[in-house]
């Protein structure tokens, strides 16, 4: 999944390799360099120190000297920080309602289209709900994706009550025996309180109208925003019980280390990553693949 030459992953792999290969012994200078590499890759200070201290202790206790072995071990340590077990995967029980949340411009609408395409290709019947009724052209953009993926879309007019859209979408999904209902939501209102109130209302409608449905509240984050993404996790977490993260735009200039910070500081799984603009460029996140793709030596 995470090819060595793709974006952030290839750059981090190369920087760690350079730090290992440029010195004859693994000393404190290496660990200082590693701290700098991780921090400048958008991994938070606390998480970085935990990773470096764990590696330092293992290098010392196991008398590791071979750069390739140390690099692989670093990857496994990082994978352990990210691995959230079964929570790493999207819920596989149906019917399933997925509430997509996140600020405007983070790739939320595009992610909804990609996720609908992915689930439909897996044999699921999918519907969309355009509950971002406050942003001009939001429902039109989602409509384009619905047509592209060929899935039904429930929408109201601009400025309509988002919870009313959710209500109608649920009734339609139940009538059609849909497996998955993916709901778009507003990314910005007049103030934070209004936005969080709207999310609370939508969650209550889902709980009341479709109590037997399983739930996912996915927070879409733009990897290029770096540490700002951490504050978004905290803020949206106040209004919705976030079950996982979708990290977008990892193919561009994103440093990407925010994956580790979020997983460590919030004990929250990253479920999907966006690695490109194509409709198929949404991939399930795997901590094991992450470690192999970044830190294992090429054959």
Protein backbone atom coordinates (compact mmCIF):
# COMPACT_ATOMS: atom_id res chain seq x y z
CA UNK A 1 0.00 0.00 0.00
CA UNK A 2 2.66 2.53 0.98
CA UNK A 3 5.15 2.43 -1.87
CA UNK A 4 8.59 3.71 -0.98
CA UNK A 5 8.59 6.39 -3.65
CA UNK A 6 5.15 7.79 -2.86
CA UNK A 7 5.00 11.15 -1.11
CA UNK A 8 5.62 11.33 2.60
CA UNK A 9 6.38 7.64 3.03
CA UNK A 10 9.29 7.60 0.61
CA UNK A 11 10.76 10.79 2.05
CA UNK A 12 10.63 9.57 5.64
CA UNK A 13 12.20 6.24 4.67
CA UNK A 14 15.06 8.00 2.91
CA UNK A 15 15.71 10.42 5.78
CA UNK A 16 15.91 7.61 8.32
CA UNK A 17 18.21 5.61 6.03
CA UNK A 18 20.49 8.61 5.60
CA UNK A 19 20.68 9.15 9.35
CA UNK A 20 21.63 5.50 9.89
CA UNK A 21 24.12 5.17 7.06
CA UNK A 22 26.07 8.38 7.64
CA UNK A 23 27.68 7.19 10.88
CA UNK A 24 29.74 4.10 11.76
CA UNK A 25 28.08 3.55 15.15
CA UNK A 26 24.65 4.09 16.60
CA UNK A 27 25.28 6.82 19.16
CA UNK A 28 23.39 9.67 20.82
CA UNK A 29 23.90 11.84 17.73
CA UNK A 30 21.79 9.36 15.77
CA UNK A 31 18.96 9.53 18.30
CA UNK A 32 19.15 13.34 18.25
CA UNK A 33 18.90 13.26 14.45
CA UNK A 34 16.01 10.81 14.63
CA UNK A 35 14.11 13.12 16.97
CA UNK A 36 14.53 15.97 14.51
CA UNK A 37 13.42 13.79 11.57
CA UNK A 38 10.26 12.66 13.35
CA UNK A 39 9.31 16.09 14.70
CA UNK A 40 9.81 17.76 11.32
CA UNK A 41 7.59 15.05 9.81
CA UNK A 42 4.71 16.45 11.91
CA UNK A 43 4.96 13.83 14.64
CA UNK A 44 4.26 15.53 17.97
CA UNK A 45 6.99 16.04 20.55
CA UNK A 46 5.52 13.67 23.15
CA UNK A 47 4.97 10.89 20.61
CA UNK A 48 8.43 11.40 19.15
CA UNK A 49 10.09 11.10 22.56
CA UNK A 50 8.18 7.89 23.30
CA UNK A 51 9.28 6.36 19.99
CA UNK A 52 12.91 7.40 20.37
CA UNK A 53 13.14 6.24 23.99
CA UNK A 54 11.64 2.86 23.09
CA UNK A 55 14.10 2.39 20.25
CA UNK A 56 17.04 3.55 22.37
CA UNK A 57 16.19 0.98 25.07
CA UNK A 58 15.83 -1.85 22.53
CA UNK A 59 19.06 -0.98 20.71
CA UNK A 60 20.91 -1.03 24.02
CA UNK A 61 19.34 -4.18 25.47
CA UNK A 62 19.71 -6.16 22.24
CA UNK A 63 23.08 -4.70 21.27
CA UNK A 64 21.79 -3.72 17.82
CA UNK A 65 24.41 -2.36 15.45
CA UNK A 66 23.22 -3.16 11.93
CA UNK A 67 21.42 -0.18 10.34
CA UNK A 68 18.92 -2.35 8.43
CA UNK A 69 17.91 -4.18 11.62
CA UNK A 70 17.49 -0.91 13.53
CA UNK A 71 15.40 0.58 10.73
CA UNK A 72 13.06 -2.42 10.66
CA UNK A 73 12.75 -2.32 14.45
CA UNK A 74 11.89 1.39 14.32
CA UNK A 75 9.13 0.58 11.85
CA UNK A 76 7.68 -2.05 14.14
CA UNK A 77 7.76 0.33 17.11
CA UNK A 78 5.89 2.93 15.08
CA UNK A 79 3.40 0.31 13.86
CA UNK A 80 2.68 -0.59 17.48
CA UNK A 81 1.88 3.06 18.24
CA UNK A 82 -0.63 3.18 15.36
CA UNK A 83 -2.16 -0.28 15.66
CA UNK A 84 -5.63 -0.10 17.22
CA UNK A 85 -6.60 -3.71 16.55
CA UNK A 86 -10.08 -4.42 15.23
CA UNK A 87 -11.01 -0.72 15.52
CA UNK A 88 -8.64 -0.07 12.61
CA UNK A 89 -11.19 -1.56 10.19
CA UNK A 90 -14.49 -0.08 9.08
CA UNK A 91 -17.46 -1.75 10.76
CA UNK A 92 -18.43 -4.84 8.75
CA UNK A 93 -21.94 -5.22 10.21
CA UNK A 94 -24.97 -3.87 8.36
CA UNK A 95 -27.00 -1.76 8.02
CA UNK A 96 -24.31 0.85 8.59
CA UNK A 97 -24.67 4.64 8.85
CA UNK A 98 -21.47 6.60 8.29
CA UNK A 99 -21.47 10.24 9.37
CA UNK A 100 -18.65 12.09 7.61
CA UNK A 101 -17.41 15.13 9.52
CA UNK A 102 -14.60 17.62 9.07
CA UNK A 103 -13.87 21.20 8.04
CA UNK A 104 -14.51 22.51 4.54
CA UNK A 105 -11.62 21.97 2.16
CA UNK A 106 -10.33 18.84 3.85
CA UNK A 107 -11.46 16.51 1.08
CA UNK A 108 -14.68 15.35 2.74
CA UNK A 109 -16.92 15.30 -0.35
CA UNK A 110 -14.27 13.59 -2.48
CA UNK A 111 -13.69 11.03 0.25
CA UNK A 112 -17.42 10.26 0.40
CA UNK A 113 -17.42 9.56 -3.33
CA UNK A 114 -14.34 7.35 -3.11
CA UNK A 115 -15.72 5.45 -0.11
CA UNK A 116 -19.08 4.91 -1.84
CA UNK A 117 -17.24 3.56 -4.89
CA UNK A 118 -15.13 1.24 -2.74
CA UNK A 119 -18.07 -0.16 -0.78
CA UNK A 120 -20.19 -0.60 -3.89
CA UNK A 121 -17.36 -2.55 -5.54
CA UNK A 122 -17.33 -4.78 -2.48
CA UNK A 123 -20.95 -5.68 -3.21
CA UNK A 124 -22.69 -3.32 -0.79
CA UNK A 125 -25.77 -1.27 -1.66
CA UNK A 126 -24.86 2.32 -0.88
CA UNK A 127 -26.82 5.56 -0.52
CA UNK A 128 -25.67 9.14 0.08
CA UNK A 129 -27.26 11.97 2.08
CA UNK A 130 -26.38 15.60 1.32
CA UNK A 131 -26.71 17.05 4.83
CA UNK A 132 -24.21 19.87 4.27
CA UNK A 133 -26.99 22.29 3.37
CA UNK A 134 -25.20 25.48 4.45
CA UNK A 135 -22.32 25.55 1.98
CA UNK A 136 -23.16 26.76 -1.48
CA UNK A 137 -22.93 24.00 -4.10
CA UNK A 138 -22.14 21.30 -1.51
CA UNK A 139 -25.08 19.12 -2.54
CA UNK A 140 -24.32 19.73 -6.22
CA UNK A 141 -20.76 18.50 -5.72
CA UNK A 142 -22.01 15.41 -3.91
CA UNK A 143 -24.58 14.88 -6.68
CA UNK A 144 -21.75 14.70 -9.21
CA UNK A 145 -20.10 11.96 -7.15
CA UNK A 146 -23.41 10.11 -6.74
CA UNK A 147 -23.86 10.06 -10.51
CA UNK A 148 -20.26 9.03 -11.07
CA UNK A 149 -20.52 6.12 -8.65
CA UNK A 150 -24.14 5.43 -9.64
CA UNK A 151 -25.66 5.44 -6.17
CA UNK A 152 -28.86 7.16 -4.93
CA UNK A 153 -28.58 10.58 -3.27
CA UNK A 154 -31.09 12.21 -0.91
CA UNK A 155 -30.89 16.00 -0.92
CA UNK A 156 -32.96 19.06 0.00
CA UNK A 157 -32.57 22.69 -1.01
CA UNK A 158 -29.76 24.97 0.14
CA UNK A 159 -30.29 26.13 3.73
CA UNK A 160 -32.60 23.22 4.63
CA UNK A 161 -32.47 21.55 8.02
CA UNK A 162 -29.60 18.98 7.87
CA UNK A 163 -31.41 16.69 10.31
CA UNK A 164 -34.43 16.65 8.02
CA UNK A 165 -32.19 15.44 5.20
CA UNK A 166 -30.84 12.71 7.47
CA UNK A 167 -34.40 11.73 8.45
CA UNK A 168 -35.54 11.38 4.83
CA UNK A 169 -32.36 9.55 3.87
CA UNK A 170 -32.87 7.01 6.65
CA UNK A 171 -36.46 6.35 5.60
CA UNK A 172 -35.34 5.85 2.00
CA UNK A 173 -32.41 3.64 3.02
CA UNK A 174 -34.69 1.43 5.10
CA UNK A 175 -37.22 1.20 2.29
CA UNK A 176 -34.52 0.22 -0.20
CA UNK A 177 -32.87 -2.22 2.22
CA UNK A 178 -29.58 -0.36 1.78
CA UNK A 179 -26.45 -1.72 3.41
CA UNK A 180 -24.68 1.61 3.89
CA UNK A 181 -25.86 5.22 4.20
CA UNK A 182 -23.05 7.80 3.99
CA UNK A 183 -24.02 11.26 5.26
CA UNK A 184 -22.20 14.48 4.37
CA UNK A 185 -22.23 17.20 7.06
CA UNK A 186 -21.39 20.87 7.32
CA UNK A 187 -17.76 21.76 7.87
CA UNK A 188 -18.35 25.32 9.01
CA UNK A 189 -21.26 27.38 10.35
CA UNK A 190 -21.49 30.82 11.93
CA UNK A 191 -19.62 29.57 14.96
CA UNK A 192 -18.29 26.39 16.50
CA UNK A 193 -21.27 26.01 18.86
CA UNK A 194 -23.79 25.99 15.99
CA UNK A 195 -21.78 23.40 14.09
CA UNK A 196 -21.48 21.11 17.07
CA UNK A 197 -25.20 21.50 17.84
CA UNK A 198 -26.07 20.43 14.30
CA UNK A 199 -23.88 17.34 14.61
CA UNK A 200 -25.55 16.46 17.90
CA UNK A 201 -29.01 16.79 16.31
CA UNK A 202 -28.06 14.54 13.39
CA UNK A 203 -26.69 11.88 15.71
CA UNK A 204 -29.91 11.94 17.72
CA UNK A 205 -32.03 11.54 14.58
CA UNK A 206 -29.98 8.53 13.49
CA UNK A 207 -30.20 6.94 16.94
CA UNK A 208 -33.97 7.49 17.08
CA UNK A 209 -34.94 6.57 13.52
CA UNK A 210 -32.58 3.67 12.88
CA UNK A 211 -31.50 2.32 16.27
CA UNK A 212 -30.60 -1.08 14.84
CA UNK A 213 -28.10 0.43 12.41
CA UNK A 214 -24.42 0.19 13.21
CA UNK A 215 -22.49 3.46 13.31
CA UNK A 216 -19.26 5.05 12.18
CA UNK A 217 -18.41 8.73 12.68
CA UNK A 218 -15.40 9.36 10.45
CA UNK A 219 -13.39 12.56 10.75
CA UNK A 220 -11.77 13.61 7.47
CA UNK A 221 -8.44 15.41 7.93
CA UNK A 222 -6.17 17.04 5.38
CA UNK A 223 -2.65 15.73 6.04
CA UNK A 224 -1.13 18.93 4.66
CA UNK A 225 -2.53 20.91 7.60
CA UNK A 226 -0.11 19.11 9.92
CA UNK A 227 -0.52 19.94 13.58
CA UNK A 228 -3.74 21.89 12.95
CA UNK A 229 -5.34 18.49 12.39
CA UNK A 230 -4.78 17.68 16.06
CA UNK A 231 -7.00 20.57 17.19
CA UNK A 232 -9.68 19.42 14.74
CA UNK A 233 -9.71 15.97 16.33
CA UNK A 234 -10.19 17.56 19.73
CA UNK A 235 -12.94 19.96 18.62
CA UNK A 236 -15.01 17.54 16.57
CA UNK A 237 -14.58 14.89 19.22
CA UNK A 238 -16.58 17.11 21.58
CA UNK A 239 -19.67 16.93 19.36
CA UNK A 240 -19.45 13.48 17.83
CA UNK A 241 -18.10 10.20 19.08
CA UNK A 242 -15.42 9.92 16.41
CA UNK A 243 -14.75 6.27 15.58
CA UNK A 244 -11.93 6.79 13.12
CA UNK A 245 -9.90 9.10 10.92
CA UNK A 246 -9.63 9.42 7.16
CA UNK A 247 -6.36 11.16 6.31
CA UNK A 248 -6.39 12.77 2.87
CA UNK A 249 -3.78 14.26 0.52
CA UNK A 250 -0.85 12.09 1.57
CA UNK A 251 0.35 12.05 -2.04
CA UNK A 252 1.33 15.71 -2.05
CA UNK A 253 3.50 17.82 0.24
CA UNK A 254 2.10 16.35 3.45
CA UNK A 255 4.68 15.32 6.01
CA UNK A 256 2.23 12.68 7.24
CA UNK A 257 3.54 12.12 10.73
CA UNK A 258 0.24 13.40 12.06
CA UNK A 259 -0.94 9.79 11.67
CA UNK A 260 1.18 8.84 14.66
CA UNK A 261 0.28 11.83 16.80
CA UNK A 262 -3.46 11.28 16.40
CA UNK A 263 -3.23 7.54 17.00
CA UNK A 264 -1.05 8.03 20.09
CA UNK A 265 -2.55 11.12 21.73
CA UNK A 266 -6.22 10.32 21.05
CA UNK A 267 -6.03 6.51 20.97
CA UNK A 268 -7.91 6.77 17.69
CA UNK A 269 -7.57 4.55 14.61
CA UNK A 270 -6.75 5.87 11.14
CA UNK A 271 -9.12 3.82 8.96
CA UNK A 272 -8.43 5.16 5.47
CA UNK A 273 -5.82 7.25 3.69
CA UNK A 274 -6.17 9.20 0.48
CA UNK A 275 -3.13 8.72 -1.73
CA UNK A 276 -4.23 10.46 -4.91
CA UNK A 277 -7.00 12.18 -6.85
CA UNK A 278 -8.37 9.08 -8.59
CA UNK A 279 -11.62 7.41 -7.58
CA UNK A 280 -9.68 4.31 -6.47
CA UNK A 281 -7.10 6.27 -4.45
CA UNK A 282 -8.68 5.62 -1.06
CA UNK A 283 -7.02 2.75 0.75
CA UNK A 284 -7.57 1.01 4.06
CA UNK A 285 -4.88 1.97 6.52
CA UNK A 286 -2.70 -0.82 7.84
CA UNK A 287 -0.06 -0.22 10.50
CA UNK A 288 1.79 -3.33 9.32
CA UNK A 289 1.88 -2.14 5.70
CA UNK A 290 2.92 1.27 6.96
CA UNK A 291 5.93 -0.25 8.70
CA UNK A 292 6.88 -2.48 5.77
CA UNK A 293 6.47 0.24 3.19
CA UNK A 294 8.55 2.80 5.01
CA UNK A 295 11.14 1.01 7.08
CA UNK A 296 11.98 -2.37 5.61
CA UNK A 297 14.96 -2.50 3.31
CA UNK A 298 14.37 -3.06 -0.38
CA UNK A 299 15.23 -6.51 -1.67
